Amino acid sequence: MKRTLLALLAATASFSVTRAVDLPEKKGLPFPGETLSVSRRQAFLISSEKAPAEGPRPWVWYAPTLFGLPGDAEKWIFERLLASGIAIAGIDVGESYGSPEGRQCFSELYAELTTKRGYSHKPVLLARSRGGLMTLGWAAENPERVAAWAGIYPVSNISSYPGIKRAAPSYKLTEAELTEQLDKHNPIDRLKPLAEAGIPFFAIHGDSDKIVPLETNSALLKERYTALNGSMELTVPAGQGHNMWPGFFESEEMVAFIKRHALPPKR
């Protein structure tokens, strides 16, 4: 009897742990949405009530998905995307800085949405700050799965931010090892597949950004991408840094860019 009771308690405990993983804590979002568990990571999906009745549903892939992100600053742009029939999704991969482990989690979210939920096989990627490392890192390995990429003062150069020493632990490498392998991971060095696939870029980045400098990130990104015959629009607000200036988050040009590439062509 005692053994039976212990076995029952163990099974119950095991079930509770499994359920805790399967049902993650609900994520706070700027609009009502669904919290998912993907690769044992917390993910989210904000569906649009105006999604097309037929065909794959368009979506934007937002990063970074961390505590408090996406937040209130994203409300303006999200509201316009949702009103246009575009869903928004993301997955919390922690401070991955674009690491292979984080990129694998991205692939798991992509599979969840495209094969199980009927979403488009070509989302638009939307990066805020260090989300640039995550989205561009994944996109470089999956250009056929990307419609376009957009960024708000996005990081595209590990050497610039967070720096190789700080990024190395996320890659499970030493500083010396990551330095040696940098061209295999650094988005700024992995643009050729995206340019060859014709993936359009858009970024808005202030010229006074001290945290993610324009010169070593978006400006260099544009220089290298256009040299590969890639297309990139870059808006540079004068005097703006890495801050919450509304112009970064209320860009009509960015919304138009995303809608142009996320929505199916009108018949």
C-alpha atoms as a PDB file:
ATOM      1  CA  MET A   1       0.000   0.000   0.000  1.00  0.00           C
ATOM      2  CA  LYS A   2       2.811   2.362   0.945  1.00  0.00           C
ATOM      3  CA  ARG A   3       4.647   1.652  -2.326  1.00  0.00           C
ATOM      4  CA  THR A   4       1.447   2.240  -4.311  1.00  0.00           C
ATOM      5  CA  LEU A   5       0.907   5.592  -2.603  1.00  0.00           C
ATOM      6  CA  LEU A   6       4.496   6.671  -3.265  1.00  0.00           C
ATOM      7  CA  ALA A   7       4.187   5.673  -6.914  1.00  0.00           C
ATOM      8  CA  LEU A   8       0.967   7.656  -7.214  1.00  0.00           C
ATOM      9  CA  LEU A   9       2.556  10.722  -5.638  1.00  0.00           C
ATOM     10  CA  ALA A  10       5.565  10.441  -7.955  1.00  0.00           C
ATOM     11  CA  ALA A  11       3.314  10.191 -11.001  1.00  0.00           C
ATOM     12  CA  THR A  12       1.296  13.199  -9.836  1.00  0.00           C
ATOM     13  CA  ALA A  13       4.465  15.232  -9.289  1.00  0.00           C
ATOM     14  CA  SER A  14       5.741  14.238 -12.717  1.00  0.00           C
ATOM     15  CA  PHE A  15       2.435  15.285 -14.292  1.00  0.00           C
ATOM     16  CA  SER A  16       2.563  18.634 -12.487  1.00  0.00           C
ATOM     17  CA  VAL A  17       6.067  19.348 -13.752  1.00  0.00           C
ATOM     18  CA  THR A  18       5.049  18.430 -17.295  1.00  0.00           C
ATOM     19  CA  ARG A  19       2.008  20.665 -17.133  1.00  0.00           C
ATOM     20  CA  ALA A  20       4.140  23.528 -15.793  1.00  0.00           C
ATOM     21  CA  VAL A  21       6.338  23.256 -18.879  1.00  0.00           C
ATOM     22  CA  ASP A  22       3.425  22.804 -21.281  1.00  0.00           C
ATOM     23  CA  LEU A  23       1.473  25.729 -19.880  1.00  0.00           C
ATOM     24  CA  PRO A  24       3.888  28.646 -19.370  1.00  0.00           C
ATOM     25  CA  GLU A  25       3.008  31.669 -17.296  1.00  0.00           C
ATOM     26  CA  LYS A  26       0.869  34.027 -19.341  1.00  0.00           C
ATOM     27  CA  LYS A  27       2.968  36.726 -20.960  1.00  0.00           C
ATOM     28  CA  GLY A  28       2.007  40.366 -20.621  1.00  0.00           C
ATOM     29  CA  LEU A  29       1.449  41.831 -24.085  1.00  0.00           C
ATOM     30  CA  PRO A  30       0.408  45.209 -25.501  1.00  0.00           C
ATOM     31  CA  PHE A  31      -2.686  43.537 -27.024  1.00  0.00           C
ATOM     32  CA  PRO A  32      -4.605  40.364 -26.091  1.00  0.00           C
ATOM     33  CA  GLY A  33      -2.744  37.317 -27.309  1.00  0.00           C
ATOM     34  CA  GLU A  34      -1.889  33.692 -26.727  1.00  0.00           C
ATOM     35  CA  THR A  35       1.049  32.428 -24.666  1.00  0.00           C
ATOM     36  CA  LEU A  36       2.699  29.349 -26.158  1.00  0.00           C
ATOM     37  CA  SER A  37       5.336  26.853 -25.037  1.00  0.00           C
ATOM     38  CA  VAL A  38       7.778  26.162 -27.881  1.00  0.00           C
ATOM     39  CA  SER A  39      11.017  24.262 -27.252  1.00  0.00           C
ATOM     40  CA  ARG A  40      10.279  24.743 -23.535  1.00  0.00           C
ATOM     41  CA  ARG A  41      10.460  28.481 -24.151  1.00  0.00           C
ATOM     42  CA  GLN A  42       7.748  31.067 -23.665  1.00  0.00           C
ATOM     43  CA  ALA A  43       6.393  32.375 -26.956  1.00  0.00           C
ATOM     44  CA  PHE A  44       3.448  34.549 -27.913  1.00  0.00           C
ATOM     45  CA  LEU A  45       1.001  35.045 -30.745  1.00  0.00           C
ATOM     46  CA  ILE A  46      -1.261  38.054 -31.231  1.00  0.00           C
ATOM     47  CA  SER A  47      -3.743  37.067 -33.920  1.00  0.00           C
ATOM     48  CA  SER A  48      -5.523  39.521 -36.187  1.00  0.00           C
ATOM     49  CA  GLU A  49      -9.301  39.396 -36.490  1.00  0.00           C
ATOM     50  CA  LYS A  50      -8.898  40.768 -40.011  1.00  0.00           C
ATOM     51  CA  ALA A  51      -6.636  38.024 -41.323  1.00  0.00           C
ATOM     52  CA  PRO A  52      -7.411  36.841 -44.869  1.00  0.00           C
ATOM     53  CA  ALA A  53     -10.195  34.262 -45.032  1.00  0.00           C
ATOM     54  CA  GLU A  54      -8.213  32.149 -47.480  1.00  0.00           C
ATOM     55  CA  GLY A  55      -4.562  31.243 -47.829  1.00  0.00           C
ATOM     56  CA  PRO A  56      -1.690  31.524 -45.341  1.00  0.00           C
ATOM     57  CA  ARG A  57      -2.116  34.197 -42.689  1.00  0.00           C
ATOM     58  CA  PRO A  58       0.467  37.011 -42.752  1.00  0.00           C
ATOM     59  CA  TRP A  59       2.571  37.678 -39.664  1.00  0.00           C
ATOM     60  CA  VAL A  60       5.408  39.736 -38.276  1.00  0.00           C
ATOM     61  CA  TRP A  61       8.111  38.108 -36.176  1.00  0.00           C
ATOM     62  CA  TYR A  62       9.152  40.423 -33.336  1.00  0.00           C
ATOM     63  CA  ALA A  63      12.403  40.234 -31.364  1.00  0.00           C
ATOM     64  CA  PRO A  64      13.606  40.430 -28.686  1.00  0.00           C
ATOM     65  CA  THR A  65      10.829  38.743 -26.750  1.00  0.00           C
ATOM     66  CA  LEU A  66      12.019  39.310 -23.197  1.00  0.00           C
ATOM     67  CA  PHE A  67      10.379  40.385 -19.949  1.00  0.00           C
ATOM     68  CA  GLY A  68       8.396  43.518 -20.767  1.00  0.00           C
ATOM     69  CA  LEU A  69       9.012  43.194 -24.508  1.00  0.00           C
ATOM     70  CA  PRO A  70       7.156  43.782 -26.675  1.00  0.00           C
ATOM     71  CA  GLY A  71       5.773  46.604 -24.575  1.00  0.00           C
ATOM     72  CA  ASP A  72       3.693  49.754 -24.735  1.00  0.00           C
ATOM     73  CA  ALA A  73       6.132  51.388 -27.156  1.00  0.00           C
ATOM     74  CA  GLU A  74       5.114  48.825 -29.781  1.00  0.00           C
ATOM     75  CA  LYS A  75       1.381  49.514 -29.429  1.00  0.00           C
ATOM     76  CA  TRP A  76       1.212  52.074 -32.231  1.00  0.00           C
ATOM     77  CA  ILE A  77       2.819  49.892 -34.868  1.00  0.00           C
ATOM     78  CA  PHE A  78       1.153  46.676 -33.669  1.00  0.00           C
ATOM     79  CA  GLU A  79      -2.276  48.312 -33.797  1.00  0.00           C
ATOM     80  CA  ARG A  80      -1.785  49.239 -37.449  1.00  0.00           C
ATOM     81  CA  LEU A  81      -0.460  45.822 -38.382  1.00  0.00           C
ATOM     82  CA  LEU A  82      -3.328  44.011 -36.673  1.00  0.00           C
ATOM     83  CA  ALA A  83      -5.843  46.318 -38.354  1.00  0.00           C
ATOM     84  CA  SER A  84      -4.324  45.315 -41.690  1.00  0.00           C
ATOM     85  CA  GLY A  85      -4.738  41.602 -40.991  1.00  0.00           C
ATOM     86  CA  ILE A  86      -1.159  40.932 -39.872  1.00  0.00           C
ATOM     87  CA  ALA A  87      -0.481  38.864 -36.739  1.00  0.00           C
ATOM     88  CA  ILE A  88       2.546  39.330 -34.468  1.00  0.00           C
ATOM     89  CA  ALA A  89       4.547  36.544 -32.824  1.00  0.00           C
ATOM     90  CA  GLY A  90       7.821  36.013 -30.991  1.00  0.00           C
ATOM     91  CA  ILE A  91       9.748  33.651 -28.733  1.00  0.00           C
ATOM     92  CA  ASP A  92      11.831  34.318 -25.630  1.00  0.00           C
ATOM     93  CA  VAL A  93      15.312  32.906 -26.255  1.00  0.00           C
ATOM     94  CA  GLY A  94      16.894  34.919 -23.449  1.00  0.00           C
ATOM     95  CA  GLU A  95      20.018  36.974 -24.028  1.00  0.00           C
ATOM     96  CA  SER A  96      21.090  34.775 -26.925  1.00  0.00           C
ATOM     97  CA  TYR A  97      22.807  37.516 -28.942  1.00  0.00           C
ATOM     98  CA  GLY A  98      21.944  35.463 -32.027  1.00  0.00           C
ATOM     99  CA  SER A  99      23.545  32.223 -30.790  1.00  0.00           C
ATOM    100  CA  PRO A 100      22.968  28.854 -32.534  1.00  0.00           C
ATOM    101  CA  GLU A 101      20.801  27.698 -29.629  1.00  0.00           C
ATOM    102  CA  GLY A 102      18.600  30.754 -29.975  1.00  0.00           C
ATOM    103  CA  ARG A 103      18.438  30.313 -33.741  1.00  0.00           C
ATOM    104  CA  GLN A 104      17.250  26.732 -33.261  1.00  0.00           C
ATOM    105  CA  CYS A 105      14.441  27.955 -31.001  1.00  0.00           C
ATOM    106  CA  PHE A 106      13.487  30.409 -33.736  1.00  0.00           C
ATOM    107  CA  SER A 107      13.197  27.489 -36.156  1.00  0.00           C
ATOM    108  CA  GLU A 108      10.907  25.678 -33.720  1.00  0.00           C
ATOM    109  CA  LEU A 109       8.586  28.698 -33.510  1.00  0.00           C
ATOM    110  CA  TYR A 110       8.609  28.988 -37.293  1.00  0.00           C
ATOM    111  CA  ALA A 111       7.563  25.327 -37.594  1.00  0.00           C
ATOM    112  CA  GLU A 112       4.824  25.766 -34.998  1.00  0.00           C
ATOM    113  CA  LEU A 113       3.233  28.698 -36.797  1.00  0.00           C
ATOM    114  CA  THR A 114       3.665  27.590 -40.398  1.00  0.00           C
ATOM    115  CA  THR A 115       2.956  23.867 -40.211  1.00  0.00           C
ATOM    116  CA  LYS A 116       0.458  23.725 -37.350  1.00  0.00           C
ATOM    117  CA  ARG A 117      -1.320  27.076 -37.413  1.00  0.00           C
ATOM    118  CA  GLY A 118      -1.543  28.050 -41.060  1.00  0.00           C
ATOM    119  CA  TYR A 119       0.676  31.125 -41.021  1.00  0.00           C
ATOM    120  CA  SER A 120       2.684  32.327 -43.994  1.00  0.00           C
ATOM    121  CA  HIS A 121       5.988  30.638 -44.759  1.00  0.00           C
ATOM    122  CA  LYS A 122       7.500  34.098 -45.294  1.00  0.00           C
ATOM    123  CA  PRO A 123       7.033  36.437 -42.316  1.00  0.00           C
ATOM    124  CA  VAL A 124       8.485  39.910 -42.019  1.00  0.00           C
ATOM    125  CA  LEU A 125      11.082  40.054 -39.234  1.00  0.00           C
ATOM    126  CA  LEU A 126      10.907  43.109 -36.949  1.00  0.00           C
ATOM    127  CA  ALA A 127      13.870  43.740 -34.664  1.00  0.00           C
ATOM    128  CA  ARG A 128      14.264  46.236 -31.867  1.00  0.00           C
ATOM    129  CA  SER A 129      17.825  46.803 -30.658  1.00  0.00           C
ATOM    130  CA  ARG A 130      19.544  43.456 -29.907  1.00  0.00           C
ATOM    131  CA  GLY A 131      16.687  41.693 -31.617  1.00  0.00           C
ATOM    132  CA  GLY A 132      18.662  42.481 -34.755  1.00  0.00           C
ATOM    133  CA  LEU A 133      21.279  39.866 -33.858  1.00  0.00           C
ATOM    134  CA  MET A 134      18.558  37.278 -33.307  1.00  0.00           C
ATOM    135  CA  THR A 135      16.525  37.939 -36.447  1.00  0.00           C
ATOM    136  CA  LEU A 136      19.406  38.497 -38.854  1.00  0.00           C
ATOM    137  CA  GLY A 137      21.288  35.496 -37.473  1.00  0.00           C
ATOM    138  CA  TRP A 138      18.319  33.240 -38.167  1.00  0.00           C
ATOM    139  CA  ALA A 139      17.505  34.875 -41.499  1.00  0.00           C
ATOM    140  CA  ALA A 140      21.040  34.318 -42.832  1.00  0.00           C
ATOM    141  CA  GLU A 141      20.449  30.561 -42.497  1.00  0.00           C
ATOM    142  CA  ASN A 142      16.843  30.684 -43.708  1.00  0.00           C
ATOM    143  CA  PRO A 143      16.592  33.295 -46.481  1.00  0.00           C
ATOM    144  CA  GLU A 144      13.855  31.312 -48.225  1.00  0.00           C
ATOM    145  CA  ARG A 145      11.700  31.719 -45.106  1.00  0.00           C
ATOM    146  CA  VAL A 146      11.850  35.517 -44.927  1.00  0.00           C
ATOM    147  CA  ALA A 147       9.759  38.125 -46.777  1.00  0.00           C
ATOM    148  CA  ALA A 148      11.586  41.187 -45.424  1.00  0.00           C
ATOM    149  CA  TRP A 149      13.470  42.526 -42.414  1.00  0.00           C
ATOM    150  CA  ALA A 150      12.911  45.764 -40.479  1.00  0.00           C
ATOM    151  CA  GLY A 151      14.669  47.222 -37.459  1.00  0.00           C
ATOM    152  CA  ILE A 152      14.432  49.953 -34.823  1.00  0.00           C
ATOM    153  CA  TYR A 153      18.016  50.935 -33.931  1.00  0.00           C
ATOM    154  CA  PRO A 154      18.895  47.281 -34.568  1.00  0.00           C
ATOM    155  CA  VAL A 155      22.141  45.588 -33.601  1.00  0.00           C
ATOM    156  CA  SER A 156      23.764  43.878 -36.575  1.00  0.00           C
ATOM    157  CA  ASN A 157      27.368  43.665 -35.399  1.00  0.00           C
ATOM    158  CA  ILE A 158      28.370  41.548 -32.389  1.00  0.00           C
ATOM    159  CA  SER A 159      31.720  43.332 -32.149  1.00  0.00           C
ATOM    160  CA  SER A 160      29.899  46.622 -31.613  1.00  0.00           C
ATOM    161  CA  TYR A 161      27.249  45.348 -29.192  1.00  0.00           C
ATOM    162  CA  PRO A 162      27.344  43.555 -26.838  1.00  0.00           C
ATOM    163  CA  GLY A 163      31.010  42.967 -27.675  1.00  0.00           C
ATOM    164  CA  ILE A 164      32.662  39.606 -28.199  1.00  0.00           C
ATOM    165  CA  LYS A 165      33.625  39.086 -24.551  1.00  0.00           C
ATOM    166  CA  ARG A 166      30.069  39.601 -23.327  1.00  0.00           C
ATOM    167  CA  ALA A 167      28.471  37.582 -26.131  1.00  0.00           C
ATOM    168  CA  ALA A 168      30.796  34.567 -25.897  1.00  0.00           C
ATOM    169  CA  PRO A 169      29.045  32.770 -22.976  1.00  0.00           C
ATOM    170  CA  SER A 170      25.746  32.774 -24.895  1.00  0.00           C
ATOM    171  CA  TYR A 171      27.559  30.953 -27.694  1.00  0.00           C
ATOM    172  CA  LYS A 172      29.163  28.529 -25.213  1.00  0.00           C
ATOM    173  CA  LEU A 173      32.532  29.728 -26.489  1.00  0.00           C
ATOM    174  CA  THR A 174      35.482  31.572 -25.037  1.00  0.00           C
ATOM    175  CA  GLU A 175      36.191  35.098 -26.181  1.00  0.00           C
ATOM    176  CA  ALA A 176      39.075  33.798 -28.314  1.00  0.00           C
ATOM    177  CA  GLU A 177      36.924  31.057 -29.853  1.00  0.00           C
ATOM    178  CA  LEU A 178      34.116  33.440 -30.774  1.00  0.00           C
ATOM    179  CA  THR A 179      36.634  35.870 -32.239  1.00  0.00           C
ATOM    180  CA  GLU A 180      38.013  33.091 -34.419  1.00  0.00           C
ATOM    181  CA  GLN A 181      34.522  31.979 -35.506  1.00  0.00           C
ATOM    182  CA  LEU A 182      32.956  35.430 -35.732  1.00  0.00           C
ATOM    183  CA  ASP A 183      32.281  35.364 -39.470  1.00  0.00           C
ATOM    184  CA  LYS A 184      30.104  32.265 -38.915  1.00  0.00           C
ATOM    185  CA  HIS A 185      27.810  34.109 -36.505  1.00  0.00           C
ATOM    186  CA  ASN A 186      28.055  37.877 -36.967  1.00  0.00           C
ATOM    187  CA  PRO A 187      25.107  39.149 -39.054  1.00  0.00           C
ATOM    188  CA  ILE A 188      27.193  41.875 -40.672  1.00  0.00           C
ATOM    189  CA  ASP A 189      29.406  39.136 -42.148  1.00  0.00           C
ATOM    190  CA  ARG A 190      26.568  36.847 -43.283  1.00  0.00           C
ATOM    191  CA  LEU A 191      24.554  39.004 -45.659  1.00  0.00           C
ATOM    192  CA  LYS A 192      25.256  37.318 -48.982  1.00  0.00           C
ATOM    193  CA  PRO A 193      22.459  34.681 -48.812  1.00  0.00           C
ATOM    194  CA  LEU A 194      19.918  37.385 -47.981  1.00  0.00           C
ATOM    195  CA  ALA A 195      21.080  39.672 -50.780  1.00  0.00           C
ATOM    196  CA  GLU A 196      21.009  36.801 -53.268  1.00  0.00           C
ATOM    197  CA  ALA A 197      17.464  35.960 -52.162  1.00  0.00           C
ATOM    198  CA  GLY A 198      16.401  39.578 -52.708  1.00  0.00           C
ATOM    199  CA  ILE A 199      15.268  40.163 -49.111  1.00  0.00           C
ATOM    200  CA  PRO A 200      14.530  43.902 -48.627  1.00  0.00           C
ATOM    201  CA  PHE A 201      15.724  45.674 -45.463  1.00  0.00           C
ATOM    202  CA  PHE A 202      14.426  48.760 -43.639  1.00  0.00           C
ATOM    203  CA  ALA A 203      15.893  50.394 -40.526  1.00  0.00           C
ATOM    204  CA  ILE A 204      15.441  53.556 -38.503  1.00  0.00           C
ATOM    205  CA  HIS A 205      18.520  54.444 -36.451  1.00  0.00           C
ATOM    206  CA  GLY A 206      19.536  57.707 -34.761  1.00  0.00           C
ATOM    207  CA  ASP A 207      22.874  59.354 -35.499  1.00  0.00           C
ATOM    208  CA  SER A 208      23.600  59.941 -31.792  1.00  0.00           C
ATOM    209  CA  ASP A 209      23.198  56.365 -30.571  1.00  0.00           C
ATOM    210  CA  LYS A 210      25.983  55.638 -28.073  1.00  0.00           C
ATOM    211  CA  ILE A 211      24.839  52.119 -27.160  1.00  0.00           C
ATOM    212  CA  VAL A 212      24.350  50.738 -30.672  1.00  0.00           C
ATOM    213  CA  PRO A 213      26.309  53.196 -32.826  1.00  0.00           C
ATOM    214  CA  LEU A 214      24.856  53.918 -36.242  1.00  0.00           C
ATOM    215  CA  GLU A 215      28.256  53.781 -37.950  1.00  0.00           C
ATOM    216  CA  THR A 216      29.114  50.238 -36.861  1.00  0.00           C
ATOM    217  CA  ASN A 217      25.603  48.850 -37.180  1.00  0.00           C
ATOM    218  CA  SER A 218      22.884  50.110 -39.542  1.00  0.00           C
ATOM    219  CA  ALA A 219      25.158  52.349 -41.627  1.00  0.00           C
ATOM    220  CA  LEU A 220      27.691  49.546 -42.056  1.00  0.00           C
ATOM    221  CA  LEU A 221      24.855  47.104 -42.683  1.00  0.00           C
ATOM    222  CA  LYS A 222      23.520  49.271 -45.498  1.00  0.00           C
ATOM    223  CA  GLU A 223      27.002  49.753 -46.973  1.00  0.00           C
ATOM    224  CA  ARG A 224      27.707  46.029 -47.069  1.00  0.00           C
ATOM    225  CA  TYR A 225      24.233  45.004 -48.143  1.00  0.00           C
ATOM    226  CA  THR A 226      24.074  47.410 -51.061  1.00  0.00           C
ATOM    227  CA  ALA A 227      27.588  46.303 -52.100  1.00  0.00           C
ATOM    228  CA  LEU A 228      26.055  42.827 -52.480  1.00  0.00           C
ATOM    229  CA  ASN A 229      23.225  44.335 -54.571  1.00  0.00           C
ATOM    230  CA  GLY A 230      20.819  44.068 -51.654  1.00  0.00           C
ATOM    231  CA  SER A 231      18.083  46.651 -51.084  1.00  0.00           C
ATOM    232  CA  MET A 232      17.980  48.609 -47.815  1.00  0.00           C
ATOM    233  CA  GLU A 233      16.115  51.741 -46.769  1.00  0.00           C
ATOM    234  CA  LEU A 234      17.746  53.588 -43.859  1.00  0.00           C
ATOM    235  CA  THR A 235      16.117  56.490 -42.020  1.00  0.00           C
ATOM    236  CA  VAL A 236      18.453  58.472 -39.746  1.00  0.00           C
ATOM    237  CA  PRO A 237      16.738  60.852 -37.269  1.00  0.00           C
ATOM    238  CA  ALA A 238      19.152  63.665 -36.414  1.00  0.00           C
ATOM    239  CA  GLY A 239      20.167  63.999 -32.777  1.00  0.00           C
ATOM    240  CA  GLN A 240      18.439  60.822 -31.626  1.00  0.00           C
ATOM    241  CA  GLY A 241      20.106  58.063 -29.630  1.00  0.00           C
ATOM    242  CA  HIS A 242      19.072  54.717 -28.162  1.00  0.00           C
ATOM    243  CA  ASN A 243      15.937  56.070 -26.576  1.00  0.00           C
ATOM    244  CA  MET A 244      12.148  56.054 -26.531  1.00  0.00           C
ATOM    245  CA  TRP A 245      11.651  58.922 -28.978  1.00  0.00           C
ATOM    246  CA  PRO A 246       8.169  58.342 -30.461  1.00  0.00           C
ATOM    247  CA  GLY A 247       9.463  58.685 -34.003  1.00  0.00           C
ATOM    248  CA  PHE A 248      11.238  55.340 -33.687  1.00  0.00           C
ATOM    249  CA  PHE A 249       8.007  53.556 -32.830  1.00  0.00           C
ATOM    250  CA  GLU A 250       5.537  55.584 -34.890  1.00  0.00           C
ATOM    251  CA  SER A 251       7.129  55.409 -38.314  1.00  0.00           C
ATOM    252  CA  GLU A 252       4.596  55.471 -41.132  1.00  0.00           C
ATOM    253  CA  GLU A 253       7.392  54.444 -43.505  1.00  0.00           C
ATOM    254  CA  MET A 254       8.113  51.317 -41.473  1.00  0.00           C
ATOM    255  CA  VAL A 255       4.447  50.341 -41.307  1.00  0.00           C
ATOM    256  CA  ALA A 256       4.097  50.799 -45.064  1.00  0.00           C
ATOM    257  CA  PHE A 257       7.244  48.725 -45.646  1.00  0.00           C
ATOM    258  CA  ILE A 258       6.028  45.874 -43.447  1.00  0.00           C
ATOM    259  CA  LYS A 259       2.543  45.830 -44.954  1.00  0.00           C
ATOM    260  CA  ARG A 260       3.957  45.886 -48.470  1.00  0.00           C
ATOM    261  CA  HIS A 261       5.974  42.742 -47.844  1.00  0.00           C
ATOM    262  CA  ALA A 262       3.789  40.871 -45.331  1.00  0.00           C
ATOM    263  CA  LEU A 263       0.439  41.064 -47.084  1.00  0.00           C
ATOM    264  CA  PRO A 264      -0.366  38.978 -50.155  1.00  0.00           C
ATOM    265  CA  PRO A 265      -0.660  40.952 -53.395  1.00  0.00           C
ATOM    266  CA  LYS A 266      -4.134  42.256 -54.157  1.00  0.00           C
ATOM    267  CA  ARG A 267      -5.951  40.463 -56.939  1.00  0.00           C
END
